């Protein structure tokens, strides 16, 4: 049975679509890398020049670069894995920065409380001082 060119065209088109789909990366992976780019950018804004979180932010950038390279090389699994790692390190960088800020605020509050207590003790004579 001989196939005419008109009948073979849909088969060729379907086969081409399958092969093109296999050679690329999914839109889901591209979206995952884009989300990690956003997370790293936001972490950079939150961390700024702070020392706390700087190491984690650098690791996030490194994983993001690896995710982009894997995406360009059409390697889906490494792209997803590095994008996830980039996002996690970005979150960790922000958490470390916020933790350090909260710790500093708590220390300042405790110092203020100590100062107030000392001033209060100086201002209130004890019962033995009055006798």
C-alpha atoms as a PDB file:
ATOM      1  CA  UNK A   1       0.000   0.000   0.000  1.00  0.00           C
ATOM      2  CA  UNK A   2       1.481   3.253  -1.144  1.00  0.00           C
ATOM      3  CA  UNK A   3       0.814   6.435   0.857  1.00  0.00           C
ATOM      4  CA  UNK A   4       0.256   9.679  -0.928  1.00  0.00           C
ATOM      5  CA  UNK A   5       2.131  12.816   0.213  1.00  0.00           C
ATOM      6  CA  UNK A   6      -1.103  14.314   1.534  1.00  0.00           C
ATOM      7  CA  UNK A   7      -1.692  11.359   3.831  1.00  0.00           C
ATOM      8  CA  UNK A   8       1.887  11.212   5.129  1.00  0.00           C
ATOM      9  CA  UNK A   9       2.039  14.902   5.995  1.00  0.00           C
ATOM     10  CA  UNK A  10       0.103  14.615   9.312  1.00  0.00           C
ATOM     11  CA  UNK A  11       2.304  11.712  10.389  1.00  0.00           C
ATOM     12  CA  UNK A  12       5.484  13.654   9.620  1.00  0.00           C
ATOM     13  CA  UNK A  13       4.145  16.697  11.468  1.00  0.00           C
ATOM     14  CA  UNK A  14       3.169  14.678  14.546  1.00  0.00           C
ATOM     15  CA  UNK A  15       6.551  12.955  14.623  1.00  0.00           C
ATOM     16  CA  UNK A  16       8.352  16.285  14.292  1.00  0.00           C
ATOM     17  CA  UNK A  17       6.396  17.759  17.197  1.00  0.00           C
ATOM     18  CA  UNK A  18       7.261  14.786  19.396  1.00  0.00           C
ATOM     19  CA  UNK A  19      10.975  15.054  18.596  1.00  0.00           C
ATOM     20  CA  UNK A  20      11.029  18.814  19.108  1.00  0.00           C
ATOM     21  CA  UNK A  21       9.250  18.370  22.444  1.00  0.00           C
ATOM     22  CA  UNK A  22      11.803  15.820  23.584  1.00  0.00           C
ATOM     23  CA  UNK A  23      14.759  18.000  22.665  1.00  0.00           C
ATOM     24  CA  UNK A  24      13.726  21.022  24.725  1.00  0.00           C
ATOM     25  CA  UNK A  25      12.811  21.752  28.276  1.00  0.00           C
ATOM     26  CA  UNK A  26       9.289  22.127  29.509  1.00  0.00           C
ATOM     27  CA  UNK A  27       7.604  25.430  30.199  1.00  0.00           C
ATOM     28  CA  UNK A  28       7.308  24.264  33.804  1.00  0.00           C
ATOM     29  CA  UNK A  29      11.092  24.091  34.077  1.00  0.00           C
ATOM     30  CA  UNK A  30      11.484  27.508  32.461  1.00  0.00           C
ATOM     31  CA  UNK A  31       8.947  28.862  34.948  1.00  0.00           C
ATOM     32  CA  UNK A  32      10.822  27.245  37.835  1.00  0.00           C
ATOM     33  CA  UNK A  33      14.078  28.933  36.798  1.00  0.00           C
ATOM     34  CA  UNK A  34      12.265  32.267  36.393  1.00  0.00           C
ATOM     35  CA  UNK A  35      10.824  31.935  39.909  1.00  0.00           C
ATOM     36  CA  UNK A  36      14.259  31.253  41.319  1.00  0.00           C
ATOM     37  CA  UNK A  37      15.592  34.337  39.515  1.00  0.00           C
ATOM     38  CA  UNK A  38      12.893  36.393  41.222  1.00  0.00           C
ATOM     39  CA  UNK A  39      13.671  34.840  44.612  1.00  0.00           C
ATOM     40  CA  UNK A  40      17.384  35.601  44.264  1.00  0.00           C
ATOM     41  CA  UNK A  41      16.652  39.172  43.152  1.00  0.00           C
ATOM     42  CA  UNK A  42      14.346  39.733  46.141  1.00  0.00           C
ATOM     43  CA  UNK A  43      16.898  38.203  48.505  1.00  0.00           C
ATOM     44  CA  UNK A  44      19.535  40.583  47.142  1.00  0.00           C
ATOM     45  CA  UNK A  45      17.239  43.513  47.956  1.00  0.00           C
ATOM     46  CA  UNK A  46      16.578  42.213  51.474  1.00  0.00           C
ATOM     47  CA  UNK A  47      20.139  41.244  52.297  1.00  0.00           C
ATOM     48  CA  UNK A  48      21.752  44.269  50.660  1.00  0.00           C
ATOM     49  CA  UNK A  49      25.269  44.726  51.991  1.00  0.00           C
ATOM     50  CA  UNK A  50      24.640  42.872  55.244  1.00  0.00           C
ATOM     51  CA  UNK A  51      27.275  40.395  56.294  1.00  0.00           C
ATOM     52  CA  UNK A  52      24.691  37.913  57.552  1.00  0.00           C
ATOM     53  CA  UNK A  53      23.195  36.033  54.642  1.00  0.00           C
ATOM     54  CA  UNK A  54      25.925  37.051  52.185  1.00  0.00           C
ATOM     55  CA  UNK A  55      27.355  33.535  51.882  1.00  0.00           C
ATOM     56  CA  UNK A  56      23.923  32.007  51.324  1.00  0.00           C
ATOM     57  CA  UNK A  57      23.096  34.686  48.759  1.00  0.00           C
ATOM     58  CA  UNK A  58      26.282  33.869  46.846  1.00  0.00           C
ATOM     59  CA  UNK A  59      25.357  30.174  46.874  1.00  0.00           C
ATOM     60  CA  UNK A  60      21.913  31.106  45.546  1.00  0.00           C
ATOM     61  CA  UNK A  61      23.512  33.063  42.700  1.00  0.00           C
ATOM     62  CA  UNK A  62      25.828  30.157  41.896  1.00  0.00           C
ATOM     63  CA  UNK A  63      22.938  27.691  41.717  1.00  0.00           C
ATOM     64  CA  UNK A  64      20.944  30.127  39.605  1.00  0.00           C
ATOM     65  CA  UNK A  65      23.835  30.366  37.140  1.00  0.00           C
ATOM     66  CA  UNK A  66      24.012  26.575  36.993  1.00  0.00           C
ATOM     67  CA  UNK A  67      20.249  26.385  36.444  1.00  0.00           C
ATOM     68  CA  UNK A  68      20.497  28.849  33.551  1.00  0.00           C
ATOM     69  CA  UNK A  69      23.348  26.879  31.982  1.00  0.00           C
ATOM     70  CA  UNK A  70      21.390  23.643  32.313  1.00  0.00           C
ATOM     71  CA  UNK A  71      18.368  25.346  30.761  1.00  0.00           C
ATOM     72  CA  UNK A  72      20.471  26.549  27.825  1.00  0.00           C
ATOM     73  CA  UNK A  73      21.896  23.033  27.448  1.00  0.00           C
ATOM     74  CA  UNK A  74      18.323  21.674  27.519  1.00  0.00           C
ATOM     75  CA  UNK A  75      19.040  19.561  30.604  1.00  0.00           C
ATOM     76  CA  UNK A  76      15.763  19.577  32.430  1.00  0.00           C
ATOM     77  CA  UNK A  77      16.545  17.709  35.647  1.00  0.00           C
ATOM     78  CA  UNK A  78      19.697  19.697  36.545  1.00  0.00           C
ATOM     79  CA  UNK A  79      17.905  22.935  35.666  1.00  0.00           C
ATOM     80  CA  UNK A  80      15.063  22.142  38.062  1.00  0.00           C
ATOM     81  CA  UNK A  81      17.392  20.918  40.807  1.00  0.00           C
ATOM     82  CA  UNK A  82      19.638  24.003  40.666  1.00  0.00           C
ATOM     83  CA  UNK A  83      16.636  26.329  40.456  1.00  0.00           C
ATOM     84  CA  UNK A  84      15.218  24.746  43.615  1.00  0.00           C
ATOM     85  CA  UNK A  85      18.563  25.059  45.377  1.00  0.00           C
ATOM     86  CA  UNK A  86      18.862  28.700  44.317  1.00  0.00           C
ATOM     87  CA  UNK A  87      15.440  29.457  45.734  1.00  0.00           C
ATOM     88  CA  UNK A  88      16.186  27.675  49.010  1.00  0.00           C
ATOM     89  CA  UNK A  89      19.514  29.464  49.479  1.00  0.00           C
ATOM     90  CA  UNK A  90      17.820  32.790  48.695  1.00  0.00           C
ATOM     91  CA  UNK A  91      15.220  32.110  51.388  1.00  0.00           C
ATOM     92  CA  UNK A  92      17.956  31.105  53.828  1.00  0.00           C
ATOM     93  CA  UNK A  93      19.882  34.317  53.102  1.00  0.00           C
ATOM     94  CA  UNK A  94      16.818  36.414  53.905  1.00  0.00           C
ATOM     95  CA  UNK A  95      16.092  34.403  57.057  1.00  0.00           C
ATOM     96  CA  UNK A  96      19.660  34.821  58.331  1.00  0.00           C
ATOM     97  CA  UNK A  97      19.559  38.561  57.681  1.00  0.00           C
ATOM     98  CA  UNK A  98      16.206  38.945  59.440  1.00  0.00           C
ATOM     99  CA  UNK A  99      17.408  36.817  62.352  1.00  0.00           C
ATOM    100  CA  UNK A 100      20.492  38.983  62.791  1.00  0.00           C
ATOM    101  CA  UNK A 101      18.369  42.145  62.682  1.00  0.00           C
ATOM    102  CA  UNK A 102      15.972  40.753  65.270  1.00  0.00           C
ATOM    103  CA  UNK A 103      18.881  39.718  67.490  1.00  0.00           C
ATOM    104  CA  UNK A 104      20.365  43.234  67.323  1.00  0.00           C
ATOM    105  CA  UNK A 105      16.986  44.778  68.141  1.00  0.00           C
ATOM    106  CA  UNK A 106      16.582  42.451  71.131  1.00  0.00           C
ATOM    107  CA  UNK A 107      20.063  43.311  72.405  1.00  0.00           C
ATOM    108  CA  UNK A 108      19.338  47.043  72.091  1.00  0.00           C
ATOM    109  CA  UNK A 109      16.060  46.587  73.960  1.00  0.00           C
ATOM    110  CA  UNK A 110      17.798  44.681  76.751  1.00  0.00           C
ATOM    111  CA  UNK A 111      20.434  47.411  77.031  1.00  0.00           C
ATOM    112  CA  UNK A 112      17.681  50.033  77.299  1.00  0.00           C
ATOM    113  CA  UNK A 113      15.946  48.025  80.014  1.00  0.00           C
ATOM    114  CA  UNK A 114      19.209  47.736  81.987  1.00  0.00           C
ATOM    115  CA  UNK A 115      19.736  51.482  81.717  1.00  0.00           C
ATOM    116  CA  UNK A 116      16.204  52.204  82.914  1.00  0.00           C
ATOM    117  CA  UNK A 117      16.624  49.838  85.866  1.00  0.00           C
ATOM    118  CA  UNK A 118      19.877  51.497  86.869  1.00  0.00           C
ATOM    119  CA  UNK A 119      18.294  54.946  86.680  1.00  0.00           C
ATOM    120  CA  UNK A 120      15.309  53.735  88.682  1.00  0.00           C
ATOM    121  CA  UNK A 121      17.577  52.279  91.375  1.00  0.00           C
ATOM    122  CA  UNK A 122      19.487  55.559  91.677  1.00  0.00           C
ATOM    123  CA  UNK A 123      16.295  57.567  91.934  1.00  0.00           C
ATOM    124  CA  UNK A 124      14.673  55.418  94.662  1.00  0.00           C
ATOM    125  CA  UNK A 125      16.450  55.461  98.018  1.00  0.00           C
ATOM    126  CA  UNK A 126      16.153  52.181  99.872  1.00  0.00           C
ATOM    127  CA  UNK A 127      14.602  51.892 103.309  1.00  0.00           C
ATOM    128  CA  UNK A 128      18.032  51.666 104.973  1.00  0.00           C
ATOM    129  CA  UNK A 129      19.102  54.939 103.373  1.00  0.00           C
ATOM    130  CA  UNK A 130      16.201  56.789 105.075  1.00  0.00           C
ATOM    131  CA  UNK A 131      17.029  55.715 108.618  1.00  0.00           C
END
